[in-house]
Amino acid sequence: MMNGKTMETYTSKLIDDLLDSIDPIDQEKVDAKMLLAAKIADAMKAKKWKNKDLLKAVGKDNPSIITKWLSGTHNFTMDTLIELQHALNIKLLALEEKENKIVANYHKTVCQTVQSSPVIDCVNEIFGMERQSLPLFSSSFSLTTNNSQPSFAQA
């Protein structure tokens, strides 16, 4: 609602058709460039830096390059991204190989002492035991992470 009026949503078949015609890979490229620009701008804001501060931090001399980087359309080189990461103390690239890691193991056995039952009597007779703790429940679980998604596995 704006100024007491309900805001209408504009729809257009032409716009819908254009959006549908975008190649998914091209869309992913645009999204990545926009995300990089936003991360750079956010890091600059957090440091209270102006364009000239970033320009100095990365050792560049042409102020228009910062404007290009922040436009969301610039095709960054790997070298530039690494320089920006160091200058802004942020992570723009995630190149580390992720692997499943066990972060916790859990094992629990619940036993109950049974005085007498046909099974216990048979076990006692075979092994010459008088009392036996029999596991009623035994299970192991491992918590693993894969790309930040936790999962449980029962052993």
Protein backbone atom coordinates (compact mmCIF):
# COMPACT_ATOMS: atom_id res chain seq x y z
CA MET A 1 0.00 0.00 0.00
CA MET A 2 1.42 3.37 -0.98
CA ASN A 3 -0.15 6.67 0.15
CA GLY A 4 -3.29 4.83 1.20
CA LYS A 5 -3.66 3.17 -2.20
CA THR A 6 -3.29 -0.50 -2.98
CA MET A 7 -0.30 -1.21 -5.18
CA GLU A 8 -1.08 -3.19 -8.31
CA THR A 9 1.26 -5.79 -9.73
CA TYR A 10 2.14 -5.27 -13.36
CA THR A 11 2.31 -8.35 -15.52
CA SER A 12 3.33 -8.62 -19.11
CA LYS A 13 3.46 -11.58 -21.44
CA LEU A 14 6.42 -9.96 -23.20
CA ILE A 15 8.43 -9.75 -19.97
CA ASP A 16 7.44 -13.30 -19.02
CA ASP A 17 8.52 -14.54 -22.48
CA LEU A 18 11.84 -12.70 -22.21
CA LEU A 19 12.52 -14.13 -18.77
CA ASP A 20 11.60 -17.62 -19.97
CA SER A 21 14.02 -17.30 -22.91
CA ILE A 22 17.07 -16.65 -20.71
CA ASP A 23 19.49 -19.55 -20.78
CA PRO A 24 19.88 -20.98 -17.24
CA ILE A 25 23.69 -20.80 -17.49
CA ASP A 26 23.54 -17.15 -18.54
CA GLN A 27 21.17 -16.43 -15.66
CA GLU A 28 23.58 -18.13 -13.25
CA LYS A 29 26.42 -15.95 -14.55
CA VAL A 30 24.39 -12.78 -14.02
CA ASP A 31 23.35 -13.92 -10.54
CA ALA A 32 26.97 -14.65 -9.59
CA LYS A 33 28.18 -11.25 -10.81
CA MET A 34 25.42 -9.49 -8.90
CA LEU A 35 26.18 -11.49 -5.75
CA LEU A 36 29.88 -10.64 -5.96
CA ALA A 37 29.09 -6.94 -6.39
CA ALA A 38 26.72 -7.04 -3.41
CA LYS A 39 29.31 -8.79 -1.21
CA ILE A 40 31.95 -6.23 -2.15
CA ALA A 41 29.57 -3.32 -1.48
CA ASP A 42 28.52 -4.83 1.87
CA ALA A 43 32.15 -5.32 2.93
CA MET A 44 32.99 -1.74 1.93
CA LYS A 45 30.01 -0.47 3.92
CA ALA A 46 31.04 -2.53 6.97
CA LYS A 47 34.53 -0.99 6.80
CA LYS A 48 33.03 2.46 6.12
CA TRP A 49 35.11 2.62 2.94
CA LYS A 50 34.48 4.79 -0.06
CA ASN A 51 35.48 3.74 -3.57
CA LYS A 52 38.83 5.51 -3.21
CA ASP A 53 39.63 3.46 -0.08
CA LEU A 54 39.11 0.19 -1.95
CA LEU A 55 41.04 1.55 -4.93
CA LYS A 56 44.02 2.23 -2.67
CA ALA A 57 43.71 -1.13 -0.84
CA VAL A 58 43.95 -3.11 -4.09
CA GLY A 59 46.64 -0.88 -5.57
CA LYS A 60 44.67 0.32 -8.59
CA ASP A 61 44.81 3.80 -10.07
CA ASN A 62 41.67 4.06 -12.22
CA PRO A 63 38.63 4.99 -10.08
CA SER A 64 36.17 3.79 -12.72
CA ILE A 65 37.20 0.17 -12.07
CA ILE A 66 35.49 0.27 -8.66
CA THR A 67 32.28 1.50 -10.28
CA LYS A 68 32.49 -1.40 -12.76
CA TRP A 69 33.04 -3.91 -9.94
CA LEU A 70 30.02 -2.60 -8.04
CA SER A 71 27.77 -2.54 -11.14
CA GLY A 72 27.05 -6.25 -10.98
CA THR A 73 27.99 -6.72 -14.63
CA HIS A 74 31.77 -6.95 -14.38
CA ASN A 75 33.38 -10.26 -15.34
CA PHE A 76 35.99 -10.65 -12.58
CA THR A 77 39.31 -12.39 -13.05
CA MET A 78 40.51 -14.84 -10.44
CA ASP A 79 43.38 -12.49 -9.60
CA THR A 80 41.01 -9.60 -8.93
CA LEU A 81 38.73 -11.70 -6.72
CA ILE A 82 41.69 -12.86 -4.64
CA GLU A 83 42.95 -9.27 -4.31
CA LEU A 84 39.47 -8.15 -3.20
CA GLN A 85 39.22 -10.97 -0.67
CA HIS A 86 42.47 -9.88 0.95
CA ALA A 87 41.72 -6.16 0.83
CA LEU A 88 38.22 -6.54 2.30
CA ASN A 89 38.96 -9.55 4.51
CA ILE A 90 36.00 -11.47 3.08
CA LYS A 91 35.45 -14.74 1.21
CA LEU A 92 34.36 -14.39 -2.41
CA LEU A 93 35.59 -17.77 -3.66
CA ALA A 94 34.86 -21.17 -2.15
CA LEU A 95 37.48 -23.39 -3.73
CA GLU A 96 38.17 -25.69 -0.81
CA GLU A 97 37.17 -29.25 -1.45
CA LYS A 98 34.32 -30.21 0.82
CA GLU A 99 34.27 -33.69 2.21
CA ASN A 100 32.04 -35.61 4.56
CA LYS A 101 33.36 -35.39 8.07
CA ILE A 102 32.11 -37.20 11.11
CA VAL A 103 31.51 -34.52 13.68
CA ALA A 104 29.98 -36.68 16.40
CA ASN A 105 29.50 -40.32 17.24
CA TYR A 106 26.80 -41.57 19.54
CA HIS A 107 26.46 -45.11 20.85
CA LYS A 108 23.97 -46.24 23.42
CA THR A 109 23.17 -49.66 24.77
CA VAL A 110 20.25 -50.23 27.10
CA CYS A 111 20.41 -53.41 29.13
CA GLN A 112 17.98 -54.95 31.50
CA THR A 113 18.87 -57.57 34.09
CA VAL A 114 16.45 -60.45 33.76
CA GLN A 115 16.07 -62.93 36.59
CA SER A 116 14.39 -65.71 34.67
CA SER A 117 12.92 -66.40 31.27
CA PRO A 118 13.08 -69.31 28.85
CA VAL A 119 15.78 -67.50 26.85
CA ILE A 120 17.82 -66.63 29.95
CA ASP A 121 17.49 -70.15 31.28
CA CYS A 122 18.79 -71.50 27.96
CA VAL A 123 21.70 -69.02 27.89
CA ASN A 124 22.53 -69.80 31.51
CA GLU A 125 22.53 -73.50 30.77
CA ILE A 126 24.78 -73.14 27.71
CA PHE A 127 27.27 -70.72 29.28
CA GLY A 128 26.91 -71.69 32.91
CA MET A 129 25.78 -68.22 33.89
CA GLU A 130 23.40 -67.38 36.66
CA ARG A 131 22.40 -63.83 35.69
CA GLN A 132 22.66 -62.13 32.34
CA SER A 133 22.21 -58.56 31.14
CA LEU A 134 20.66 -58.72 27.73
CA PRO A 135 20.73 -55.72 25.38
CA LEU A 136 17.19 -54.68 24.61
CA PHE A 137 18.29 -51.83 22.35
CA SER A 138 21.64 -51.19 20.78
CA SER A 139 22.35 -48.67 18.11
CA SER A 140 25.06 -46.35 16.82
CA PHE A 141 24.52 -43.07 15.04
CA SER A 142 26.97 -40.87 13.21
CA LEU A 143 26.29 -37.25 12.44
CA THR A 144 27.96 -36.19 9.23
CA THR A 145 27.95 -32.98 7.26
CA ASN A 146 27.90 -32.69 3.50
CA ASN A 147 27.88 -29.17 2.05
CA SER A 148 26.50 -27.79 5.31
CA GLN A 149 23.63 -30.30 5.35
CA PRO A 150 23.73 -32.52 8.47
CA SER A 151 22.63 -36.12 8.16
CA PHE A 152 22.35 -39.08 10.51
CA ALA A 153 23.34 -42.61 9.68
CA GLN A 154 22.44 -45.63 11.77
CA ALA A 155 25.06 -48.36 12.11
